[in-house]
Amino acid sequence: QKLRPFCILLPWATPCRNPWAWKTEMLAADKLELTSLIKRNATTLKGKELELNQSNFEAVATQAAVLAGFAVCMLVKVDVPDGV
């Protein structure tokens, strides 16, 4: 069975100049869908990368805070001789 153009199947639709114009419209729609899918996946990937960097930064910040606390405690408890 031969494929018939969209404007022949639906006579009330606006007449098309090219009987196979619906194919190019579908290709353009598919291209637009794929482009948006790629952009959405890239955005999702960037979000995951940002979450990873944030968790790494939090881990380093926690370790730095603990070390700073130990350093302050050590400085507070040091007895400085009177002659120095």
Protein backbone atom coordinates (compact mmCIF):
# COMPACT_ATOMS: atom_id res chain seq x y z
CA GLN A 1 0.00 0.00 0.00
CA LYS A 2 1.33 3.42 -0.98
CA LEU A 3 1.65 6.18 1.56
CA ARG A 4 -0.63 9.09 0.84
CA PRO A 5 0.12 12.65 1.82
CA PHE A 6 -1.60 14.15 4.85
CA CYS A 7 -3.48 16.78 2.84
CA ILE A 8 -5.06 14.08 0.65
CA LEU A 9 -6.14 11.98 3.62
CA LEU A 10 -7.83 14.95 5.27
CA PRO A 11 -9.49 17.03 2.57
CA TRP A 12 -10.64 19.70 5.05
CA ALA A 13 -7.05 20.39 6.10
CA THR A 14 -5.20 23.31 4.59
CA PRO A 15 -3.90 22.33 1.20
CA CYS A 16 -0.19 21.78 1.05
CA ARG A 17 1.99 22.73 -1.86
CA ASN A 18 4.22 19.73 -1.47
CA PRO A 19 2.23 16.52 -0.96
CA TRP A 20 5.10 15.10 1.15
CA ALA A 21 5.53 18.22 3.29
CA TRP A 22 4.33 16.35 6.36
CA LYS A 23 7.47 14.20 6.19
CA THR A 24 9.75 17.21 6.43
CA GLU A 25 7.61 18.63 9.23
CA MET A 26 7.91 15.37 11.12
CA LEU A 27 11.67 15.31 10.58
CA ALA A 28 11.91 18.85 11.92
CA ALA A 29 9.78 17.90 14.92
CA ASP A 30 11.94 14.84 15.58
CA LYS A 31 15.09 16.95 15.32
CA LEU A 32 13.65 19.49 17.76
CA GLU A 33 12.68 16.73 20.18
CA LEU A 34 16.15 15.17 20.05
CA THR A 35 17.78 18.56 20.54
CA SER A 36 15.67 19.28 23.60
CA LEU A 37 16.35 15.78 24.95
CA ILE A 38 20.10 16.31 24.61
CA LYS A 39 19.87 19.69 26.35
CA ARG A 40 17.80 18.20 29.16
CA ASN A 41 20.27 15.34 29.63
CA ALA A 42 23.18 17.81 29.64
CA THR A 43 21.40 19.89 32.28
CA THR A 44 20.77 16.78 34.39
CA LEU A 45 24.43 15.81 34.10
CA LYS A 46 25.55 19.31 35.14
CA GLY A 47 23.22 19.09 38.16
CA LYS A 48 24.74 15.77 39.22
CA GLU A 49 28.22 17.21 38.79
CA LEU A 50 27.26 20.20 40.94
CA GLU A 51 25.91 17.91 43.67
CA LEU A 52 29.16 15.93 43.63
CA ASN A 53 31.26 19.09 43.94
CA GLN A 54 29.03 20.33 46.77
CA SER A 55 29.38 17.08 48.73
CA ASN A 56 33.17 17.12 48.23
CA PHE A 57 33.32 20.73 49.43
CA GLU A 58 31.23 19.88 52.50
CA ALA A 59 33.57 17.00 53.37
CA VAL A 60 36.66 19.22 53.09
CA ALA A 61 34.97 22.01 55.06
CA THR A 62 34.07 19.58 57.87
CA GLN A 63 37.64 18.32 58.10
CA ALA A 64 38.98 21.90 58.10
CA ALA A 65 36.60 22.88 60.91
CA VAL A 66 37.69 19.91 63.04
CA LEU A 67 41.37 20.72 62.51
CA ALA A 68 40.78 24.39 63.30
CA GLY A 69 39.02 23.39 66.52
CA PHE A 70 41.97 21.21 67.56
CA ALA A 71 44.39 24.05 66.78
CA VAL A 72 42.41 26.54 68.87
CA CYS A 73 42.21 24.10 71.78
CA MET A 74 45.95 23.52 71.59
CA LEU A 75 46.71 27.26 71.60
CA VAL A 76 44.42 27.84 74.56
CA LYS A 77 46.02 25.11 76.67
CA VAL A 78 49.66 26.06 75.98
CA ASP A 79 51.36 27.52 79.02
CA VAL A 80 53.71 30.33 78.09
CA PRO A 81 56.58 30.80 80.59
CA ASP A 82 56.87 34.21 82.26
CA GLY A 83 60.40 34.86 81.01
CA VAL A 84 59.53 34.60 77.33
